[in-house]
Amino acid sequence: MGNVTHNCGFAVAPTLHTIYALLKDLQHRGKEVVGIGGISRSGGIDVIKWRGLVEAFDLRDLDGLLPRQDYHTFIGHVRYATRGQKEHVLDEGHPHVIGGTRVDCGTHIYMYDADAAIVHNGQVDMTLLEKHIDRAALRTGCDTEALLYYYKNTNERAVLANIPGSFTMAIADRTKKDVMILRDRTAIKPGVLSFKDGKYIVTSEDIAAKKNGAEIIEHLEPGVVYYLTPDGQYRKERVVPSLECTIQHCFFEGNYIADKDSEIVEGVPVGTLRRYLGEELAREFGHVKADVAVYVPRCPQGAARAFSSATGITLDEHILYKRRGSDRSFFGSTPAERESSIGGNLNLNPQKIPMLRGATIIVVDDSTIRGNVARRVIRLFDSAGVKSLHYLNYTPRQGIIGDDGNPRGCMMGVDMPLDDDFIARNRTAKEIGDYLREQTGAAMEVHMHYLSVDGMFRAFERLGQKREQFCHFCIGGPKPF
């Protein structure tokens, strides 16, 4: 993907008010750049991108710049950048466009009368696109912009038929009246079609549609183009035959990325999945003796409750807390930002310190990838005089060297490039615990535990899902395509 990887959320809706509300409910997928594009009734596309949260740009002011009566459809996007340079974050934010006039306003960019625009969730290998595009025409190194140029040089069917990768996207084109929604043949990234106020909308996660009173129609079919018409209706066309669609959903959407009230695929409610993951932790590590269990707020809450219920170990939900509960350190752009998000946000309740002295505790977490959160947790509990800490992760070790001798990570749109600083690479769980204890200078014992791959997939199988239908490359599985 060049020098930028990302994970994000997007939406398509018939009104500015609706797209704004949908993006607010997708904010957990990205908090660094927001973009909204209006497809005008005269054919052109106008775009505004700004730094920060959705609400950093007042809806009333947006309505003045993108007056609702001038547009029949809006596309929107929330994004976190990972490896891109901070000074280019607005350029690399979505929507990307071809043509039009660009006005840089510092904290935001206004582009008007563009010929085409795209919003995208996922990741595509740039080398697959290069022979069909002119790199000199690109403003950024982002695969999303390259995808838009590839589309313009071919068509939407060619994108689905010829480009393997991880993508769910929306494309608007001046030469076509409909907005096109594409989901790749592996369905790695989520996407949902819904119905609201007599018109159809599309969102990355169903939670955004549900919170806005929409009726869920279906999870987007892989290998299919959906055409959303100017009057809010839709039709769809299968491009890749169903038999050629090898489904490889991203398991990490359920373990961490998605909202707890979402369904990552039909029949897989995230909240239920996380409870089952907690029960699988109890199955594998219920023998660990401890005085109290806690969890790292907020994602592992359901898993921790299930673990406590299954083991009988008391769960105290008020020992660790966050000042900003919605902040997710994994989504920081740089290591410094991730450390800052954790260090200034994750804290220990001082009233609980007396009960922690000399105690053995269990910490339930969703995953330990780089170790930033674990280091903060270890320092907090060591300073409180804890005797022994057992750190339980319900996601297996990520970024390991696979049985085939190749390093793991993610090339499908999650911020885990193959060359990342994975704490589990070439380390056993015991070695990770020893390493973290040495790094932090902790006096207490530190024991790291990870749910097994089989244990994790038992949770999915309890929901009727086959493990073969989930990409698990990052934890040692095969490439999804």
Foldseek 3Di string as FASTA:
>chain_A
DFQWFWAWKKKKDFFLVLRLLLQQVRCLRAFFKKKKWFQFPQQFIKMKMFTGHSPVDPSVVVCVVVVGVGGLMMMMMHIFIARDDPVCVQVQDDFDFADFDWDDPPRMIITIRTFKTKDKGKFFDVVQQVVQADPVRDPDRGVNNSLLSSCVSPHPLCCQVRTDAAIWMWMGGSVDQWIKTAGHLQCQFWKWWWADPHAIMMISWCSSCVVVPTGTDFIDHHQKIWTQGSVRYIDMDHNDDNVPRQHAYAVVCLLPRPDQQTARHPLRRSLLLLLLLLLLLCVVPLVDDWQEEEEFPDRNPNSRVSVCVNNVHHYDHQFKFFPDRSDDLQSHHYPVSSLCRQVVTIAGDVVCLVVQAQTEYEYEYAAQFQCSNVLVVLLRSLVSRHAAYEYEHSAAQFQEQAPVRHTFFDNIRRPTDNPDNGLPYVHDQQRSQVVSCVVNVGPHRGGYYYRDPVSSVVSVVVSVDDNSNHDDRRNHDDDSD
